[in-house]
Amino acid sequence: MNRHTRKMLLNIATGIAVAATAAVVFLPAAYAAPGVVTGNVNVRSGPGTNYGVVDVAARGTQVDVQRCQGSWCYIVKPGPDGWVSASYLSAGGRPVNPSQPGLSFGFTIGGPNGPQISIGVGNQPPVIRPQPPVIQPVYDEVCFYDRTSFRGTSFCMESGDSIRNLGDWTDRISSIENRGGLQVQVCSESSYRNCRTYTTSASSLGDFDDYVASVRVR
């Protein structure tokens, strides 16, 4: 093989490598999958509760899931986009596996920043990058609804949050969604007086229904 032929083959191989790199960069957009928000949830700027809240996605919102990392997925929706816990998403009408949410949306080839593929030159098969360690989800929020059975308008609080006087929400809370088993104290008077404590979700508050003036989460 003469020098000219070797140089031509090298240029062809370089072109293939560049094309393969471009395919890796733009794969995540092609892998977007439809999903539905199953409960009011905070949308955050990053995959974790240590990131700031940029929006709240309402139950029933249709979203495009761009990628998943650990137990969090990045969604595109009307309004600000961002990361939500996979526990608040469904795929094709089915609950999402929070330990491997990407599989529920068809992200079978993945990496920590979304779907990725390594393409070899020649007859070598594609290389599947290993999945990052599975992070078990932690439910660290409690949501309060103005109707029974977790319906209607809502707001959420995290462990350590407290509201001494609910203001406009006084005497409006009718149900509590507490999937993490946090200690939730609801009080019929401001400044945490005449209280009742919940460690589970409550679809109805009984005689405390529409009779809550202060709350705190521990």
C-alpha atoms as a PDB file:
ATOM      1  CA  MET A   1       0.000   0.000   0.000  1.00  0.00           C
ATOM      2  CA  ASN A   2       1.582   3.308  -1.074  1.00  0.00           C
ATOM      3  CA  ARG A   3       1.662   6.525   0.941  1.00  0.00           C
ATOM      4  CA  HIS A   4      -1.226   8.168  -0.994  1.00  0.00           C
ATOM      5  CA  THR A   5      -3.561   5.224  -0.411  1.00  0.00           C
ATOM      6  CA  ARG A   6      -2.735   5.086   3.326  1.00  0.00           C
ATOM      7  CA  LYS A   7      -3.404   8.821   3.672  1.00  0.00           C
ATOM      8  CA  MET A   8      -6.781   8.529   1.917  1.00  0.00           C
ATOM      9  CA  LEU A   9      -7.848   5.643   4.221  1.00  0.00           C
ATOM     10  CA  LEU A  10      -6.750   7.644   7.261  1.00  0.00           C
ATOM     11  CA  ASN A  11      -8.916  10.601   6.174  1.00  0.00           C
ATOM     12  CA  ILE A  12     -11.924   8.300   5.698  1.00  0.00           C
ATOM     13  CA  ALA A  13     -11.427   6.779   9.163  1.00  0.00           C
ATOM     14  CA  THR A  14     -11.166  10.273  10.697  1.00  0.00           C
ATOM     15  CA  GLY A  15     -14.428  11.301   9.005  1.00  0.00           C
ATOM     16  CA  ILE A  16     -16.198   8.233  10.420  1.00  0.00           C
ATOM     17  CA  ALA A  17     -14.918   9.002  13.926  1.00  0.00           C
ATOM     18  CA  VAL A  18     -16.162  12.615  13.711  1.00  0.00           C
ATOM     19  CA  ALA A  19     -19.591  11.437  12.537  1.00  0.00           C
ATOM     20  CA  ALA A  20     -19.745   8.944  15.417  1.00  0.00           C
ATOM     21  CA  THR A  21     -18.882  11.688  17.915  1.00  0.00           C
ATOM     22  CA  ALA A  22     -21.657  13.892  16.532  1.00  0.00           C
ATOM     23  CA  ALA A  23     -24.111  11.009  16.930  1.00  0.00           C
ATOM     24  CA  VAL A  24     -23.208  10.689  20.618  1.00  0.00           C
ATOM     25  CA  VAL A  25     -23.698  14.430  21.243  1.00  0.00           C
ATOM     26  CA  PHE A  26     -27.181  14.539  19.740  1.00  0.00           C
ATOM     27  CA  LEU A  27     -28.522  11.176  20.910  1.00  0.00           C
ATOM     28  CA  PRO A  28     -30.285  12.451  24.060  1.00  0.00           C
ATOM     29  CA  ALA A  29     -32.811  14.548  22.090  1.00  0.00           C
ATOM     30  CA  ALA A  30     -33.718  11.518  19.978  1.00  0.00           C
ATOM     31  CA  TYR A  31     -34.338   9.486  23.118  1.00  0.00           C
ATOM     32  CA  ALA A  32     -36.942  11.866  24.638  1.00  0.00           C
ATOM     33  CA  ALA A  33     -39.997   9.943  25.849  1.00  0.00           C
ATOM     34  CA  PRO A  34     -43.517  11.040  26.877  1.00  0.00           C
ATOM     35  CA  GLY A  35     -44.521  10.895  30.524  1.00  0.00           C
ATOM     36  CA  VAL A  36     -47.235  12.121  32.905  1.00  0.00           C
ATOM     37  CA  VAL A  37     -46.836  13.784  36.304  1.00  0.00           C
ATOM     38  CA  THR A  38     -48.739  11.714  38.892  1.00  0.00           C
ATOM     39  CA  GLY A  39     -48.747  14.247  41.745  1.00  0.00           C
ATOM     40  CA  ASN A  40     -47.876  17.870  42.366  1.00  0.00           C
ATOM     41  CA  VAL A  41     -44.088  17.959  42.544  1.00  0.00           C
ATOM     42  CA  ASN A  42     -41.288  20.513  42.793  1.00  0.00           C
ATOM     43  CA  VAL A  43     -39.221  21.002  39.632  1.00  0.00           C
ATOM     44  CA  ARG A  44     -35.586  21.574  40.573  1.00  0.00           C
ATOM     45  CA  SER A  45     -32.517  22.970  38.826  1.00  0.00           C
ATOM     46  CA  GLY A  46     -30.590  19.723  39.370  1.00  0.00           C
ATOM     47  CA  PRO A  47     -31.091  16.026  40.228  1.00  0.00           C
ATOM     48  CA  GLY A  48     -31.511  16.270  43.997  1.00  0.00           C
ATOM     49  CA  THR A  49     -33.288  18.067  46.812  1.00  0.00           C
ATOM     50  CA  ASN A  50     -30.183  20.191  47.417  1.00  0.00           C
ATOM     51  CA  TYR A  51     -30.942  22.059  44.169  1.00  0.00           C
ATOM     52  CA  GLY A  52     -33.300  25.035  44.058  1.00  0.00           C
ATOM     53  CA  VAL A  53     -36.986  24.814  43.074  1.00  0.00           C
ATOM     54  CA  VAL A  54     -37.672  26.462  39.690  1.00  0.00           C
ATOM     55  CA  ASP A  55     -41.354  25.517  39.296  1.00  0.00           C
ATOM     56  CA  VAL A  56     -44.119  23.168  40.466  1.00  0.00           C
ATOM     57  CA  ALA A  57     -45.498  20.578  38.013  1.00  0.00           C
ATOM     58  CA  ALA A  58     -49.182  19.822  38.604  1.00  0.00           C
ATOM     59  CA  ARG A  59     -50.672  16.334  38.698  1.00  0.00           C
ATOM     60  CA  GLY A  60     -51.663  15.236  35.161  1.00  0.00           C
ATOM     61  CA  THR A  61     -49.152  17.457  33.318  1.00  0.00           C
ATOM     62  CA  GLN A  62     -47.905  15.890  30.055  1.00  0.00           C
ATOM     63  CA  VAL A  63     -44.099  16.086  29.839  1.00  0.00           C
ATOM     64  CA  ASP A  64     -41.190  14.956  27.669  1.00  0.00           C
ATOM     65  CA  VAL A  65     -38.581  13.051  29.660  1.00  0.00           C
ATOM     66  CA  GLN A  66     -35.164  13.888  28.218  1.00  0.00           C
ATOM     67  CA  ARG A  67     -32.931  11.774  30.475  1.00  0.00           C
ATOM     68  CA  CYS A  68     -32.742  10.211  33.925  1.00  0.00           C
ATOM     69  CA  GLN A  69     -29.982  10.201  36.526  1.00  0.00           C
ATOM     70  CA  GLY A  70     -30.227   8.068  39.638  1.00  0.00           C
ATOM     71  CA  SER A  71     -33.838   8.442  40.833  1.00  0.00           C
ATOM     72  CA  TRP A  72     -34.375  11.792  39.039  1.00  0.00           C
ATOM     73  CA  CYS A  73     -35.465  12.657  35.503  1.00  0.00           C
ATOM     74  CA  TYR A  74     -35.129  15.866  33.464  1.00  0.00           C
ATOM     75  CA  ILE A  75     -38.498  16.915  32.006  1.00  0.00           C
ATOM     76  CA  VAL A  76     -39.549  19.424  29.352  1.00  0.00           C
ATOM     77  CA  LYS A  77     -42.994  20.950  29.845  1.00  0.00           C
ATOM     78  CA  PRO A  78     -44.947  24.204  29.562  1.00  0.00           C
ATOM     79  CA  GLY A  79     -43.110  26.660  31.785  1.00  0.00           C
ATOM     80  CA  PRO A  80     -39.650  26.178  33.317  1.00  0.00           C
ATOM     81  CA  ASP A  81     -38.028  22.782  32.627  1.00  0.00           C
ATOM     82  CA  GLY A  82     -35.985  20.895  35.190  1.00  0.00           C
ATOM     83  CA  TRP A  83     -35.502  17.781  37.321  1.00  0.00           C
ATOM     84  CA  VAL A  84     -38.214  15.888  39.233  1.00  0.00           C
ATOM     85  CA  SER A  85     -38.205  12.737  41.331  1.00  0.00           C
ATOM     86  CA  ALA A  86     -39.047   9.733  39.126  1.00  0.00           C
ATOM     87  CA  SER A  87     -41.538   8.659  41.799  1.00  0.00           C
ATOM     88  CA  TYR A  88     -43.868  11.404  40.520  1.00  0.00           C
ATOM     89  CA  LEU A  89     -43.829  10.203  36.885  1.00  0.00           C
ATOM     90  CA  SER A  90     -45.626   7.522  34.906  1.00  0.00           C
ATOM     91  CA  ALA A  91     -44.648   6.063  31.517  1.00  0.00           C
ATOM     92  CA  GLY A  92     -47.294   4.683  29.175  1.00  0.00           C
ATOM     93  CA  GLY A  93     -49.849   4.716  31.974  1.00  0.00           C
ATOM     94  CA  ARG A  94     -47.630   2.625  34.257  1.00  0.00           C
ATOM     95  CA  PRO A  95     -45.679   3.637  37.380  1.00  0.00           C
ATOM     96  CA  VAL A  96     -41.987   4.306  36.879  1.00  0.00           C
ATOM     97  CA  ASN A  97     -39.432   2.112  38.631  1.00  0.00           C
ATOM     98  CA  PRO A  98     -37.733   4.763  40.825  1.00  0.00           C
ATOM     99  CA  SER A  99     -34.522   2.726  41.115  1.00  0.00           C
ATOM    100  CA  GLN A 100     -34.070   2.564  37.316  1.00  0.00           C
ATOM    101  CA  PRO A 101     -36.399   5.196  35.831  1.00  0.00           C
ATOM    102  CA  GLY A 102     -34.602   5.312  32.473  1.00  0.00           C
ATOM    103  CA  LEU A 103     -35.736   1.769  31.665  1.00  0.00           C
ATOM    104  CA  SER A 104     -39.390   2.810  32.011  1.00  0.00           C
ATOM    105  CA  PHE A 105     -38.862   5.450  29.305  1.00  0.00           C
ATOM    106  CA  GLY A 106     -36.829   3.208  26.989  1.00  0.00           C
ATOM    107  CA  PHE A 107     -33.410   4.589  27.875  1.00  0.00           C
ATOM    108  CA  THR A 108     -31.732   1.176  27.648  1.00  0.00           C
ATOM    109  CA  ILE A 109     -28.302   2.580  26.739  1.00  0.00           C
ATOM    110  CA  GLY A 110     -27.302   5.172  29.251  1.00  0.00           C
ATOM    111  CA  GLY A 111     -24.760   7.086  31.248  1.00  0.00           C
ATOM    112  CA  PRO A 112     -24.808   9.636  34.059  1.00  0.00           C
ATOM    113  CA  ASN A 113     -25.709  12.497  31.688  1.00  0.00           C
ATOM    114  CA  GLY A 114     -28.247  10.723  29.514  1.00  0.00           C
ATOM    115  CA  PRO A 115     -28.219   8.148  26.689  1.00  0.00           C
ATOM    116  CA  GLN A 116     -24.708   7.562  25.256  1.00  0.00           C
ATOM    117  CA  ILE A 117     -23.184   5.107  22.786  1.00  0.00           C
ATOM    118  CA  SER A 118     -19.544   4.355  21.979  1.00  0.00           C
ATOM    119  CA  ILE A 119     -19.223   3.507  18.262  1.00  0.00           C
ATOM    120  CA  GLY A 120     -16.190   1.451  17.147  1.00  0.00           C
ATOM    121  CA  VAL A 121     -14.530   1.567  13.729  1.00  0.00           C
ATOM    122  CA  GLY A 122     -14.669  -1.638  11.720  1.00  0.00           C
ATOM    123  CA  ASN A 123     -16.605  -4.709  12.797  1.00  0.00           C
ATOM    124  CA  GLN A 124     -16.440  -4.114  16.548  1.00  0.00           C
ATOM    125  CA  PRO A 125     -19.879  -4.144  18.283  1.00  0.00           C
ATOM    126  CA  PRO A 126     -21.204  -1.016  20.070  1.00  0.00           C
ATOM    127  CA  VAL A 127     -19.954  -0.647  23.645  1.00  0.00           C
ATOM    128  CA  ILE A 128     -22.610  -0.070  26.315  1.00  0.00           C
ATOM    129  CA  ARG A 129     -21.349   2.201  29.064  1.00  0.00           C
ATOM    130  CA  PRO A 130     -22.011   0.929  32.614  1.00  0.00           C
ATOM    131  CA  GLN A 131     -24.910   2.389  34.577  1.00  0.00           C
ATOM    132  CA  PRO A 132     -24.058   4.589  37.587  1.00  0.00           C
ATOM    133  CA  PRO A 133     -24.758   3.162  41.059  1.00  0.00           C
ATOM    134  CA  VAL A 134     -28.477   2.982  41.801  1.00  0.00           C
ATOM    135  CA  ILE A 135     -29.644   5.617  44.282  1.00  0.00           C
ATOM    136  CA  GLN A 136     -32.757   4.644  46.203  1.00  0.00           C
ATOM    137  CA  PRO A 137     -35.375   7.417  46.261  1.00  0.00           C
ATOM    138  CA  VAL A 138     -36.018   9.337  49.466  1.00  0.00           C
ATOM    139  CA  TYR A 139     -39.433  10.912  49.966  1.00  0.00           C
ATOM    140  CA  ASP A 140     -38.546  14.066  51.865  1.00  0.00           C
ATOM    141  CA  GLU A 141     -41.641  16.154  51.154  1.00  0.00           C
ATOM    142  CA  VAL A 142     -45.149  16.328  52.572  1.00  0.00           C
ATOM    143  CA  CYS A 143     -47.921  17.861  50.467  1.00  0.00           C
ATOM    144  CA  PHE A 144     -51.127  19.414  51.811  1.00  0.00           C
ATOM    145  CA  TYR A 145     -54.324  19.533  49.698  1.00  0.00           C
ATOM    146  CA  ASP A 146     -57.450  21.632  50.019  1.00  0.00           C
ATOM    147  CA  ARG A 147     -59.668  18.656  49.075  1.00  0.00           C
ATOM    148  CA  THR A 148     -59.867  15.081  50.361  1.00  0.00           C
ATOM    149  CA  SER A 149     -58.062  12.189  48.617  1.00  0.00           C
ATOM    150  CA  PHE A 150     -55.081  14.382  47.634  1.00  0.00           C
ATOM    151  CA  ARG A 151     -57.032  16.528  45.171  1.00  0.00           C
ATOM    152  CA  GLY A 152     -57.298  20.214  44.474  1.00  0.00           C
ATOM    153  CA  THR A 153     -54.773  22.977  45.148  1.00  0.00           C
ATOM    154  CA  SER A 154     -51.746  22.019  47.201  1.00  0.00           C
ATOM    155  CA  PHE A 155     -48.432  23.112  48.664  1.00  0.00           C
ATOM    156  CA  CYS A 156     -45.483  21.031  49.919  1.00  0.00           C
ATOM    157  CA  MET A 157     -43.032  21.225  52.825  1.00  0.00           C
ATOM    158  CA  GLU A 158     -39.757  19.444  53.582  1.00  0.00           C
ATOM    159  CA  SER A 159     -38.410  17.992  56.813  1.00  0.00           C
ATOM    160  CA  GLY A 160     -37.608  20.831  59.218  1.00  0.00           C
ATOM    161  CA  ASP A 161     -40.094  23.274  57.659  1.00  0.00           C
ATOM    162  CA  SER A 162     -42.783  24.909  59.801  1.00  0.00           C
ATOM    163  CA  ILE A 163     -45.516  27.515  59.325  1.00  0.00           C
ATOM    164  CA  ARG A 164     -46.706  29.198  62.524  1.00  0.00           C
ATOM    165  CA  ASN A 165     -49.696  30.852  60.828  1.00  0.00           C
ATOM    166  CA  LEU A 166     -51.086  29.496  57.551  1.00  0.00           C
ATOM    167  CA  GLY A 167     -52.632  32.804  56.538  1.00  0.00           C
ATOM    168  CA  ASP A 168     -54.739  32.243  53.397  1.00  0.00           C
ATOM    169  CA  TRP A 169     -54.461  28.481  53.929  1.00  0.00           C
ATOM    170  CA  THR A 170     -55.988  28.606  57.417  1.00  0.00           C
ATOM    171  CA  ASP A 171     -58.929  26.146  57.678  1.00  0.00           C
ATOM    172  CA  ARG A 172     -58.390  24.849  54.122  1.00  0.00           C
ATOM    173  CA  ILE A 173     -56.321  21.653  54.484  1.00  0.00           C
ATOM    174  CA  SER A 174     -58.338  18.456  53.908  1.00  0.00           C
ATOM    175  CA  SER A 175     -55.747  15.733  53.101  1.00  0.00           C
ATOM    176  CA  ILE A 176     -52.018  15.077  53.547  1.00  0.00           C
ATOM    177  CA  GLU A 177     -49.702  13.115  51.222  1.00  0.00           C
ATOM    178  CA  ASN A 178     -46.803  11.794  53.318  1.00  0.00           C
ATOM    179  CA  ARG A 179     -45.153   8.947  51.391  1.00  0.00           C
ATOM    180  CA  GLY A 180     -41.869   9.249  53.288  1.00  0.00           C
ATOM    181  CA  GLY A 181     -43.373   8.606  56.729  1.00  0.00           C
ATOM    182  CA  LEU A 182     -42.227  11.966  58.089  1.00  0.00           C
ATOM    183  CA  GLN A 183     -43.666  13.324  61.343  1.00  0.00           C
ATOM    184  CA  VAL A 184     -46.302  15.899  60.390  1.00  0.00           C
ATOM    185  CA  GLN A 185     -47.961  18.023  63.052  1.00  0.00           C
ATOM    186  CA  VAL A 186     -51.197  19.826  62.144  1.00  0.00           C
ATOM    187  CA  CYS A 187     -52.694  22.250  64.647  1.00  0.00           C
ATOM    188  CA  SER A 188     -56.128  23.819  64.823  1.00  0.00           C
ATOM    189  CA  GLU A 189     -54.664  27.019  66.277  1.00  0.00           C
ATOM    190  CA  SER A 190     -51.718  29.172  65.259  1.00  0.00           C
ATOM    191  CA  SER A 191     -48.314  28.798  66.975  1.00  0.00           C
ATOM    192  CA  TYR A 192     -48.736  24.980  67.099  1.00  0.00           C
ATOM    193  CA  ARG A 193     -51.507  24.693  69.679  1.00  0.00           C
ATOM    194  CA  ASN A 194     -54.116  21.911  69.847  1.00  0.00           C
ATOM    195  CA  CYS A 195     -52.190  19.615  67.496  1.00  0.00           C
ATOM    196  CA  ARG A 196     -52.437  16.163  65.957  1.00  0.00           C
ATOM    197  CA  THR A 197     -49.456  14.195  64.523  1.00  0.00           C
ATOM    198  CA  TYR A 198     -49.449  12.073  61.337  1.00  0.00           C
ATOM    199  CA  THR A 199     -46.678   9.710  60.169  1.00  0.00           C
ATOM    200  CA  THR A 200     -48.564   8.402  57.107  1.00  0.00           C
ATOM    201  CA  SER A 201     -50.650   9.903  54.333  1.00  0.00           C
ATOM    202  CA  ALA A 202     -54.222  10.859  55.249  1.00  0.00           C
ATOM    203  CA  SER A 203     -56.893  11.084  52.551  1.00  0.00           C
ATOM    204  CA  SER A 204     -59.181  12.822  55.054  1.00  0.00           C
ATOM    205  CA  LEU A 205     -58.423  14.609  58.337  1.00  0.00           C
ATOM    206  CA  GLY A 206     -61.714  13.814  60.067  1.00  0.00           C
ATOM    207  CA  ASP A 207     -62.619  16.488  62.606  1.00  0.00           C
ATOM    208  CA  PHE A 208     -59.464  18.422  61.616  1.00  0.00           C
ATOM    209  CA  ASP A 209     -60.745  18.698  58.012  1.00  0.00           C
ATOM    210  CA  ASP A 210     -60.665  22.414  57.056  1.00  0.00           C
ATOM    211  CA  TYR A 211     -59.662  23.168  60.639  1.00  0.00           C
ATOM    212  CA  VAL A 212     -55.855  23.650  60.503  1.00  0.00           C
ATOM    213  CA  ALA A 213     -54.087  26.937  61.272  1.00  0.00           C
ATOM    214  CA  SER A 214     -50.410  25.920  61.690  1.00  0.00           C
ATOM    215  CA  VAL A 215     -48.217  22.979  60.561  1.00  0.00           C
ATOM    216  CA  ARG A 216     -44.691  21.670  60.919  1.00  0.00           C
ATOM    217  CA  VAL A 217     -42.733  18.737  59.490  1.00  0.00           C
ATOM    218  CA  ARG A 218     -40.008  16.864  61.390  1.00  0.00           C
END
